[in-house]
Amino acid sequence: MTTLQVKFELPERLAREAKAAGLLTPEALSRLLKEAMRRRAGQALLAGAERAAKADSEPITLEEIQAEVNAVRHARKTGKRA
């Protein structure tokens, strides 16, 4: 586990509403970041599929798909971009 101290500015209303909704807790922020990372990984996968479709290449195998998924998961764990 890594401890980070983050400071950022929010509009007053947004800060109030986020705090009232319980979104400024470490647990909530962690959950929001994880969801954002999942969305980013999904978007990267879809972008790759779109590039492959445009390239008129052969369909990829399930093993190749799994390798891509594994690469994204590894990148998420190590903090690197896939």
C-alpha atoms as a PDB file:
ATOM      1  CA  MET A   1       0.000   0.000   0.000  1.00  0.00           C
ATOM      2  CA  THR A   2       1.302   3.445  -0.896  1.00  0.00           C
ATOM      3  CA  THR A   3       0.357   6.554   1.028  1.00  0.00           C
ATOM      4  CA  LEU A   4      -0.106   9.696  -1.035  1.00  0.00           C
ATOM      5  CA  GLN A   5      -0.992  13.163   0.071  1.00  0.00           C
ATOM      6  CA  VAL A   6      -2.900  14.961  -2.659  1.00  0.00           C
ATOM      7  CA  LYS A   7      -3.967  18.571  -2.692  1.00  0.00           C
ATOM      8  CA  PHE A   8      -6.238  19.981  -5.375  1.00  0.00           C
ATOM      9  CA  GLU A   9      -8.710  22.788  -5.836  1.00  0.00           C
ATOM     10  CA  LEU A  10     -12.401  22.282  -6.489  1.00  0.00           C
ATOM     11  CA  PRO A  11     -15.208  24.742  -6.975  1.00  0.00           C
ATOM     12  CA  GLU A  12     -16.886  25.351  -3.610  1.00  0.00           C
ATOM     13  CA  ARG A  13     -20.194  23.813  -4.624  1.00  0.00           C
ATOM     14  CA  LEU A  14     -18.577  20.667  -6.043  1.00  0.00           C
ATOM     15  CA  ALA A  15     -16.457  20.241  -2.921  1.00  0.00           C
ATOM     16  CA  ARG A  16     -19.508  20.598  -0.685  1.00  0.00           C
ATOM     17  CA  GLU A  17     -21.581  18.140  -2.731  1.00  0.00           C
ATOM     18  CA  ALA A  18     -18.758  15.609  -3.015  1.00  0.00           C
ATOM     19  CA  LYS A  19     -18.127  15.771   0.719  1.00  0.00           C
ATOM     20  CA  ALA A  20     -21.852  15.384   1.480  1.00  0.00           C
ATOM     21  CA  ALA A  21     -21.989  12.368  -0.853  1.00  0.00           C
ATOM     22  CA  GLY A  22     -19.023  10.782   0.936  1.00  0.00           C
ATOM     23  CA  LEU A  23     -16.821  10.952  -2.142  1.00  0.00           C
ATOM     24  CA  LEU A  24     -13.816  12.610  -0.509  1.00  0.00           C
ATOM     25  CA  THR A  25     -12.883   9.705   1.751  1.00  0.00           C
ATOM     26  CA  PRO A  26      -9.796   7.602   0.987  1.00  0.00           C
ATOM     27  CA  GLU A  27     -12.022   4.597   0.262  1.00  0.00           C
ATOM     28  CA  ALA A  28     -14.288   6.510  -2.116  1.00  0.00           C
ATOM     29  CA  LEU A  29     -11.379   8.142  -3.932  1.00  0.00           C
ATOM     30  CA  SER A  30      -9.672   4.765  -4.291  1.00  0.00           C
ATOM     31  CA  ARG A  31     -12.871   3.294  -5.748  1.00  0.00           C
ATOM     32  CA  LEU A  32     -13.231   6.225  -8.178  1.00  0.00           C
ATOM     33  CA  LEU A  33      -9.624   5.828  -9.333  1.00  0.00           C
ATOM     34  CA  LYS A  34     -10.046   2.080  -9.846  1.00  0.00           C
ATOM     35  CA  GLU A  35     -13.193   2.668 -11.913  1.00  0.00           C
ATOM     36  CA  ALA A  36     -11.380   5.274 -14.012  1.00  0.00           C
ATOM     37  CA  MET A  37      -8.494   2.862 -14.611  1.00  0.00           C
ATOM     38  CA  ARG A  38     -10.910   0.114 -15.699  1.00  0.00           C
ATOM     39  CA  ARG A  39     -12.585   2.519 -18.125  1.00  0.00           C
ATOM     40  CA  ARG A  40      -9.204   3.578 -19.506  1.00  0.00           C
ATOM     41  CA  ALA A  41      -8.150  -0.056 -20.001  1.00  0.00           C
ATOM     42  CA  GLY A  42     -11.435  -0.798 -21.754  1.00  0.00           C
ATOM     43  CA  GLN A  43     -11.040   2.231 -24.010  1.00  0.00           C
ATOM     44  CA  ALA A  44      -7.494   1.147 -24.878  1.00  0.00           C
ATOM     45  CA  LEU A  45      -8.727  -2.324 -25.751  1.00  0.00           C
ATOM     46  CA  LEU A  46     -11.517  -0.934 -27.937  1.00  0.00           C
ATOM     47  CA  ALA A  47      -9.099   1.455 -29.641  1.00  0.00           C
ATOM     48  CA  GLY A  48      -6.805  -1.475 -30.400  1.00  0.00           C
ATOM     49  CA  ALA A  49      -9.704  -3.451 -31.827  1.00  0.00           C
ATOM     50  CA  GLU A  50     -10.673  -0.478 -33.995  1.00  0.00           C
ATOM     51  CA  ARG A  51      -7.105  -0.114 -35.277  1.00  0.00           C
ATOM     52  CA  ALA A  52      -7.006  -3.825 -36.072  1.00  0.00           C
ATOM     53  CA  ALA A  53     -10.311  -3.639 -37.936  1.00  0.00           C
ATOM     54  CA  LYS A  54      -9.086  -0.696 -40.006  1.00  0.00           C
ATOM     55  CA  ALA A  55      -5.843  -2.518 -40.817  1.00  0.00           C
ATOM     56  CA  ASP A  56      -7.769  -5.360 -42.480  1.00  0.00           C
ATOM     57  CA  SER A  57      -5.776  -7.832 -40.441  1.00  0.00           C
ATOM     58  CA  GLU A  58      -6.691 -11.366 -39.499  1.00  0.00           C
ATOM     59  CA  PRO A  59      -8.910 -11.751 -36.419  1.00  0.00           C
ATOM     60  CA  ILE A  60      -6.898 -12.251 -33.272  1.00  0.00           C
ATOM     61  CA  THR A  61      -7.073 -15.458 -31.294  1.00  0.00           C
ATOM     62  CA  LEU A  62      -8.420 -15.853 -27.784  1.00  0.00           C
ATOM     63  CA  GLU A  63      -4.832 -16.375 -26.637  1.00  0.00           C
ATOM     64  CA  GLU A  64      -3.820 -13.028 -28.167  1.00  0.00           C
ATOM     65  CA  ILE A  65      -6.775 -11.323 -26.505  1.00  0.00           C
ATOM     66  CA  GLN A  66      -5.787 -12.844 -23.162  1.00  0.00           C
ATOM     67  CA  ALA A  67      -2.210 -11.657 -23.672  1.00  0.00           C
ATOM     68  CA  GLU A  68      -3.493  -8.102 -24.241  1.00  0.00           C
ATOM     69  CA  VAL A  69      -5.680  -8.277 -21.135  1.00  0.00           C
ATOM     70  CA  ASN A  70      -2.724  -9.603 -19.133  1.00  0.00           C
ATOM     71  CA  ALA A  71      -0.529  -6.765 -20.415  1.00  0.00           C
ATOM     72  CA  VAL A  72      -3.082  -4.147 -19.355  1.00  0.00           C
ATOM     73  CA  ARG A  73      -3.462  -5.766 -15.928  1.00  0.00           C
ATOM     74  CA  HIS A  74       0.312  -5.876 -15.502  1.00  0.00           C
ATOM     75  CA  ALA A  75       0.587  -2.232 -16.529  1.00  0.00           C
ATOM     76  CA  ARG A  76      -2.060  -1.270 -13.983  1.00  0.00           C
ATOM     77  CA  LYS A  77      -0.220  -3.133 -11.230  1.00  0.00           C
ATOM     78  CA  THR A  78       3.134  -1.578 -12.082  1.00  0.00           C
ATOM     79  CA  GLY A  79       1.801   1.900 -12.823  1.00  0.00           C
ATOM     80  CA  LYS A  80       2.948   1.795 -16.436  1.00  0.00           C
ATOM     81  CA  ARG A  81       0.818   2.431 -19.498  1.00  0.00           C
ATOM     82  CA  ALA A  82       0.099  -0.543 -21.722  1.00  0.00           C
END
